[in-house]
Amino acid sequence: MHVQINGKATEVEPGMTLAEFIAMKGLKPESVVIEHNGTILPRERWRGVALTSADQLQIVSFVGGG
């Protein structure tokens, strides 16, 4: 199944949750913000949101430094 992530079609397993996707990508949840279909989702909701082929995500990672 494909979902749009940062404007690019990305293959994911059917029924995968946002939390599972972030873990699969090796991203640290505390350094990521996810916009799901136009709404920024709090981290505590990621486990309850299963991805569908109609989903559009924007994922932003924070990088420290100076």
PDB file of N, CA and C in Angstrom:
ATOM      1  N   MET A   1       0.853  -1.166   0.000  1.00  0.00           N
ATOM      2  CA  MET A   1       0.000   0.000   0.000  1.00  0.00           C
ATOM      3  C   MET A   1       0.902   1.233   0.000  1.00  0.00           C
ATOM      4  N   HIS A   2       0.467   2.271  -0.689  1.00  0.00           N
ATOM      5  CA  HIS A   2       1.227   3.516  -0.757  1.00  0.00           C
ATOM      6  C   HIS A   2       0.502   4.630  -0.006  1.00  0.00           C
ATOM      7  N   VAL A   3       1.270   5.443   0.706  1.00  0.00           N
ATOM      8  CA  VAL A   3       0.772   6.680   1.302  1.00  0.00           C
ATOM      9  C   VAL A   3       1.702   7.800   0.844  1.00  0.00           C
ATOM     10  N   GLN A   4       1.206   9.020   0.879  1.00  0.00           N
ATOM     11  CA  GLN A   4       2.015  10.176   0.517  1.00  0.00           C
ATOM     12  C   GLN A   4       2.732  10.681   1.761  1.00  0.00           C
ATOM     13  N   ILE A   5       4.055  10.655   1.729  1.00  0.00           N
ATOM     14  CA  ILE A   5       4.849  11.138   2.855  1.00  0.00           C
ATOM     15  C   ILE A   5       5.795  12.202   2.335  1.00  0.00           C
ATOM     16  N   ASN A   6       5.625  13.409   2.843  1.00  0.00           N
ATOM     17  CA  ASN A   6       6.390  14.570   2.387  1.00  0.00           C
ATOM     18  C   ASN A   6       6.335  14.693   0.864  1.00  0.00           C
ATOM     19  N   GLY A   7       5.139  14.446   0.309  1.00  0.00           N
ATOM     20  CA  GLY A   7       4.901  14.615  -1.114  1.00  0.00           C
ATOM     21  C   GLY A   7       5.365  13.466  -2.000  1.00  0.00           C
ATOM     22  N   LYS A   8       5.815  12.385  -1.395  1.00  0.00           N
ATOM     23  CA  LYS A   8       6.357  11.260  -2.159  1.00  0.00           C
ATOM     24  C   LYS A   8       5.592   9.983  -1.812  1.00  0.00           C
ATOM     25  N   ALA A   9       5.210   9.204  -2.834  1.00  0.00           N
ATOM     26  CA  ALA A   9       4.542   7.925  -2.582  1.00  0.00           C
ATOM     27  C   ALA A   9       5.516   6.982  -1.901  1.00  0.00           C
ATOM     28  N   THR A  10       5.076   6.424  -0.762  1.00  0.00           N
ATOM     29  CA  THR A  10       5.924   5.549   0.034  1.00  0.00           C
ATOM     30  C   THR A  10       5.171   4.267   0.346  1.00  0.00           C
ATOM     31  N   GLU A  11       5.830   3.139   0.169  1.00  0.00           N
ATOM     32  CA  GLU A  11       5.232   1.828   0.429  1.00  0.00           C
ATOM     33  C   GLU A  11       5.231   1.557   1.939  1.00  0.00           C
ATOM     34  N   VAL A  12       4.063   1.182   2.459  1.00  0.00           N
ATOM     35  CA  VAL A  12       3.940   0.767   3.867  1.00  0.00           C
ATOM     36  C   VAL A  12       3.080  -0.489   3.930  1.00  0.00           C
ATOM     37  N   GLU A  13       3.222  -1.218   5.012  1.00  0.00           N
ATOM     38  CA  GLU A  13       2.411  -2.410   5.226  1.00  0.00           C
ATOM     39  C   GLU A  13       0.977  -2.006   5.546  1.00  0.00           C
ATOM     40  N   PRO A  14      -0.019  -2.698   5.006  1.00  0.00           N
ATOM     41  CA  PRO A  14      -1.413  -2.392   5.357  1.00  0.00           C
ATOM     42  C   PRO A  14      -1.619  -2.512   6.873  1.00  0.00           C
ATOM     43  N   GLY A  15      -2.317  -1.541   7.431  1.00  0.00           N
ATOM     44  CA  GLY A  15      -2.619  -1.554   8.860  1.00  0.00           C
ATOM     45  C   GLY A  15      -1.517  -1.006   9.746  1.00  0.00           C
ATOM     46  N   MET A  16      -0.386  -0.598   9.166  1.00  0.00           N
ATOM     47  CA  MET A  16       0.719  -0.050   9.958  1.00  0.00           C
ATOM     48  C   MET A  16       0.278   1.242  10.629  1.00  0.00           C
ATOM     49  N   THR A  17       0.650   1.411  11.894  1.00  0.00           N
ATOM     50  CA  THR A  17       0.323   2.641  12.608  1.00  0.00           C
ATOM     51  C   THR A  17       1.421   3.675  12.397  1.00  0.00           C
ATOM     52  N   LEU A  18       1.101   4.916  12.732  1.00  0.00           N
ATOM     53  CA  LEU A  18       2.111   5.969  12.651  1.00  0.00           C
ATOM     54  C   LEU A  18       3.300   5.639  13.536  1.00  0.00           C
ATOM     55  N   ALA A  19       3.047   5.139  14.744  1.00  0.00           N
ATOM     56  CA  ALA A  19       4.125   4.786  15.664  1.00  0.00           C
ATOM     57  C   ALA A  19       5.017   3.706  15.059  1.00  0.00           C
ATOM     58  N   GLU A  20       4.421   2.706  14.445  1.00  0.00           N
ATOM     59  CA  GLU A  20       5.196   1.637  13.817  1.00  0.00           C
ATOM     60  C   GLU A  20       6.026   2.166  12.644  1.00  0.00           C
ATOM     61  N   PHE A  21       5.448   3.077  11.879  1.00  0.00           N
ATOM     62  CA  PHE A  21       6.172   3.650  10.745  1.00  0.00           C
ATOM     63  C   PHE A  21       7.388   4.435  11.222  1.00  0.00           C
ATOM     64  N   ILE A  22       7.209   5.260  12.244  1.00  0.00           N
ATOM     65  CA  ILE A  22       8.318   6.053  12.784  1.00  0.00           C
ATOM     66  C   ILE A  22       9.423   5.125  13.303  1.00  0.00           C
ATOM     67  N   ALA A  23       9.035   4.056  14.012  1.00  0.00           N
ATOM     68  CA  ALA A  23      10.015   3.092  14.513  1.00  0.00           C
ATOM     69  C   ALA A  23      10.734   2.395  13.360  1.00  0.00           C
ATOM     70  N   MET A  24      10.000   2.000  12.326  1.00  0.00           N
ATOM     71  CA  MET A  24      10.585   1.324  11.169  1.00  0.00           C
ATOM     72  C   MET A  24      11.632   2.203  10.487  1.00  0.00           C
ATOM     73  N   LYS A  25      11.365   3.504  10.438  1.00  0.00           N
ATOM     74  CA  LYS A  25      12.289   4.445   9.810  1.00  0.00           C
ATOM     75  C   LYS A  25      13.471   4.797  10.711  1.00  0.00           C
ATOM     76  N   GLY A  26      13.431   4.338  11.971  1.00  0.00           N
ATOM     77  CA  GLY A  26      14.524   4.618  12.899  1.00  0.00           C
ATOM     78  C   GLY A  26      14.546   6.047  13.413  1.00  0.00           C
ATOM     79  N   LEU A  27      13.391   6.717  13.355  1.00  0.00           N
ATOM     80  CA  LEU A  27      13.292   8.093  13.836  1.00  0.00           C
ATOM     81  C   LEU A  27      12.990   8.120  15.327  1.00  0.00           C
ATOM     82  N   LYS A  28      13.490   9.120  16.008  1.00  0.00           N
ATOM     83  CA  LYS A  28      13.212   9.282  17.438  1.00  0.00           C
ATOM     84  C   LYS A  28      11.902  10.050  17.590  1.00  0.00           C
ATOM     85  N   PRO A  29      10.907   9.447  18.221  1.00  0.00           N
ATOM     86  CA  PRO A  29       9.600  10.111  18.343  1.00  0.00           C
ATOM     87  C   PRO A  29       9.673  11.496  18.977  1.00  0.00           C
ATOM     88  N   GLU A  30      10.589  11.693  19.918  1.00  0.00           N
ATOM     89  CA  GLU A  30      10.668  12.989  20.595  1.00  0.00           C
ATOM     90  C   GLU A  30      11.239  14.092  19.706  1.00  0.00           C
ATOM     91  N   SER A  31      11.794  13.726  18.545  1.00  0.00           N
ATOM     92  CA  SER A  31      12.358  14.739  17.650  1.00  0.00           C
ATOM     93  C   SER A  31      11.596  14.853  16.334  1.00  0.00           C
ATOM     94  N   VAL A  32      10.350  14.327  16.312  1.00  0.00           N
ATOM     95  CA  VAL A  32       9.563  14.313  15.080  1.00  0.00           C
ATOM     96  C   VAL A  32       8.184  14.921  15.332  1.00  0.00           C
ATOM     97  N   VAL A  33       7.696  15.673  14.350  1.00  0.00           N
ATOM     98  CA  VAL A  33       6.320  16.172  14.346  1.00  0.00           C
ATOM     99  C   VAL A  33       5.659  15.597  13.097  1.00  0.00           C
ATOM    100  N   ILE A  34       4.424  15.091  13.262  1.00  0.00           N
ATOM    101  CA  ILE A  34       3.703  14.515  12.129  1.00  0.00           C
ATOM    102  C   ILE A  34       2.411  15.280  11.891  1.00  0.00           C
ATOM    103  N   GLU A  35       2.232  15.690  10.633  1.00  0.00           N
ATOM    104  CA  GLU A  35       0.957  16.242  10.185  1.00  0.00           C
ATOM    105  C   GLU A  35       0.280  15.141   9.379  1.00  0.00           C
ATOM    106  N   HIS A  36      -0.889  14.739   9.829  1.00  0.00           N
ATOM    107  CA  HIS A  36      -1.644  13.643   9.208  1.00  0.00           C
ATOM    108  C   HIS A  36      -2.902  14.223   8.590  1.00  0.00           C
ATOM    109  N   ASN A  37      -2.954  14.232   7.264  1.00  0.00           N
ATOM    110  CA  ASN A  37      -4.112  14.776   6.533  1.00  0.00           C
ATOM    111  C   ASN A  37      -4.462  16.187   6.988  1.00  0.00           C
ATOM    112  N   GLY A  38      -3.434  17.015   7.170  1.00  0.00           N
ATOM    113  CA  GLY A  38      -3.651  18.418   7.503  1.00  0.00           C
ATOM    114  C   GLY A  38      -3.749  18.735   8.979  1.00  0.00           C
ATOM    115  N   THR A  39      -3.650  17.728   9.851  1.00  0.00           N
ATOM    116  CA  THR A  39      -3.762  17.945  11.292  1.00  0.00           C
ATOM    117  C   THR A  39      -2.506  17.434  11.989  1.00  0.00           C
ATOM    118  N   ILE A  40      -1.899  18.274  12.828  1.00  0.00           N
ATOM    119  CA  ILE A  40      -0.742  17.831  13.601  1.00  0.00           C
ATOM    120  C   ILE A  40      -1.245  16.927  14.720  1.00  0.00           C
ATOM    121  N   LEU A  41      -0.678  15.719  14.776  1.00  0.00           N
ATOM    122  CA  LEU A  41      -1.113  14.738  15.776  1.00  0.00           C
ATOM    123  C   LEU A  41      -0.153  14.685  16.947  1.00  0.00           C
ATOM    124  N   PRO A  42      -0.681  14.711  18.175  1.00  0.00           N
ATOM    125  CA  PRO A  42       0.181  14.512  19.343  1.00  0.00           C
ATOM    126  C   PRO A  42       0.727  13.079  19.355  1.00  0.00           C
ATOM    127  N   ARG A  43       1.922  12.910  19.894  1.00  0.00           N
ATOM    128  CA  ARG A  43       2.568  11.589  19.920  1.00  0.00           C
ATOM    129  C   ARG A  43       1.702  10.507  20.553  1.00  0.00           C
ATOM    130  N   GLU A  44       0.944  10.842  21.565  1.00  0.00           N
ATOM    131  CA  GLU A  44       0.134   9.827  22.249  1.00  0.00           C
ATOM    132  C   GLU A  44      -0.957   9.238  21.357  1.00  0.00           C
ATOM    133  N   ARG A  45      -1.246   9.860  20.226  1.00  0.00           N
ATOM    134  CA  ARG A  45      -2.253   9.327  19.294  1.00  0.00           C
ATOM    135  C   ARG A  45      -1.653   8.469  18.193  1.00  0.00           C
ATOM    136  N   TRP A  46      -0.327   8.478  18.032  1.00  0.00           N
ATOM    137  CA  TRP A  46       0.315   7.774  16.923  1.00  0.00           C
ATOM    138  C   TRP A  46       0.013   6.284  16.916  1.00  0.00           C
ATOM    139  N   ARG A  47      -0.060   5.658  18.075  1.00  0.00           N
ATOM    140  CA  ARG A  47      -0.310   4.209  18.146  1.00  0.00           C
ATOM    141  C   ARG A  47      -1.724   3.841  17.682  1.00  0.00           C
ATOM    142  N   GLY A  48      -2.643   4.780  17.763  1.00  0.00           N
ATOM    143  CA  GLY A  48      -4.024   4.502  17.417  1.00  0.00           C
ATOM    144  C   GLY A  48      -4.408   4.861  15.989  1.00  0.00           C
ATOM    145  N   VAL A  49      -3.463   5.380  15.214  1.00  0.00           N
ATOM    146  CA  VAL A  49      -3.777   5.801  13.846  1.00  0.00           C
ATOM    147  C   VAL A  49      -3.134   4.830  12.853  1.00  0.00           C
ATOM    148  N   ALA A  50      -3.982   4.018  12.211  1.00  0.00           N
ATOM    149  CA  ALA A  50      -3.513   3.086  11.178  1.00  0.00           C
ATOM    150  C   ALA A  50      -3.506   3.816   9.838  1.00  0.00           C
ATOM    151  N   LEU A  51      -2.429   3.662   9.103  1.00  0.00           N
ATOM    152  CA  LEU A  51      -2.297   4.332   7.810  1.00  0.00           C
ATOM    153  C   LEU A  51      -3.196   3.693   6.759  1.00  0.00           C
ATOM    154  N   THR A  52      -3.722   4.534   5.865  1.00  0.00           N
ATOM    155  CA  THR A  52      -4.531   4.067   4.743  1.00  0.00           C
ATOM    156  C   THR A  52      -3.961   4.665   3.458  1.00  0.00           C
ATOM    157  N   SER A  53      -4.361   4.127   2.333  1.00  0.00           N
ATOM    158  CA  SER A  53      -3.837   4.603   1.047  1.00  0.00           C
ATOM    159  C   SER A  53      -4.266   6.037   0.729  1.00  0.00           C
ATOM    160  N   ALA A  54      -5.245   6.567   1.433  1.00  0.00           N
ATOM    161  CA  ALA A  54      -5.700   7.940   1.202  1.00  0.00           C
ATOM    162  C   ALA A  54      -4.930   8.958   2.046  1.00  0.00           C
ATOM    163  N   ASP A  55      -4.037   8.488   2.921  1.00  0.00           N
ATOM    164  CA  ASP A  55      -3.349   9.385   3.857  1.00  0.00           C
ATOM    165  C   ASP A  55      -2.252  10.202   3.197  1.00  0.00           C
ATOM    166  N   GLN A  56      -2.131  11.433   3.715  1.00  0.00           N
ATOM    167  CA  GLN A  56      -1.030  12.313   3.342  1.00  0.00           C
ATOM    168  C   GLN A  56      -0.359  12.762   4.622  1.00  0.00           C
ATOM    169  N   LEU A  57       0.946  12.513   4.711  1.00  0.00           N
ATOM    170  CA  LEU A  57       1.716  12.862   5.902  1.00  0.00           C
ATOM    171  C   LEU A  57       2.812  13.862   5.552  1.00  0.00           C
ATOM    172  N   GLN A  58       3.056  14.734   6.495  1.00  0.00           N
ATOM    173  CA  GLN A  58       4.241  15.581   6.470  1.00  0.00           C
ATOM    174  C   GLN A  58       4.986  15.243   7.754  1.00  0.00           C
ATOM    175  N   ILE A  59       6.242  14.845   7.629  1.00  0.00           N
ATOM    176  CA  ILE A  59       7.040  14.479   8.791  1.00  0.00           C
ATOM    177  C   ILE A  59       8.226  15.423   8.841  1.00  0.00           C
ATOM    178  N   VAL A  60       8.361  16.100   9.978  1.00  0.00           N
ATOM    179  CA  VAL A  60       9.448  17.055  10.173  1.00  0.00           C
ATOM    180  C   VAL A  60      10.286  16.575  11.340  1.00  0.00           C
ATOM    181  N   SER A  61      11.595  16.475  11.123  1.00  0.00           N
ATOM    182  CA  SER A  61      12.527  16.091  12.175  1.00  0.00           C
ATOM    183  C   SER A  61      13.291  17.321  12.635  1.00  0.00           C
ATOM    184  N   PHE A  62      13.483  17.445  13.938  1.00  0.00           N
ATOM    185  CA  PHE A  62      14.252  18.541  14.499  1.00  0.00           C
ATOM    186  C   PHE A  62      15.701  18.094  14.625  1.00  0.00           C
ATOM    187  N   VAL A  63      16.601  18.979  14.206  1.00  0.00           N
ATOM    188  CA  VAL A  63      18.020  18.689  14.284  1.00  0.00           C
ATOM    189  C   VAL A  63      18.674  19.782  15.106  1.00  0.00           C
ATOM    190  N   GLY A  64      19.423  19.378  16.124  1.00  0.00           N
ATOM    191  CA  GLY A  64      20.105  20.354  16.965  1.00  0.00           C
ATOM    192  C   GLY A  64      21.424  20.786  16.336  1.00  0.00           C
ATOM    193  N   GLY A  65      21.933  21.848  16.833  1.00  0.00           N
ATOM    194  CA  GLY A  65      23.218  22.315  16.334  1.00  0.00           C
ATOM    195  C   GLY A  65      23.273  23.823  16.349  1.00  0.00           C
ATOM    196  N   GLY A  66      24.361  24.326  15.882  1.00  0.00           N
ATOM    197  CA  GLY A  66      24.497  25.763  15.928  1.00  0.00           C
ATOM    198  C   GLY A  66      25.149  26.321  14.716  1.00  0.00           C
TER     199      GLY A  66
END
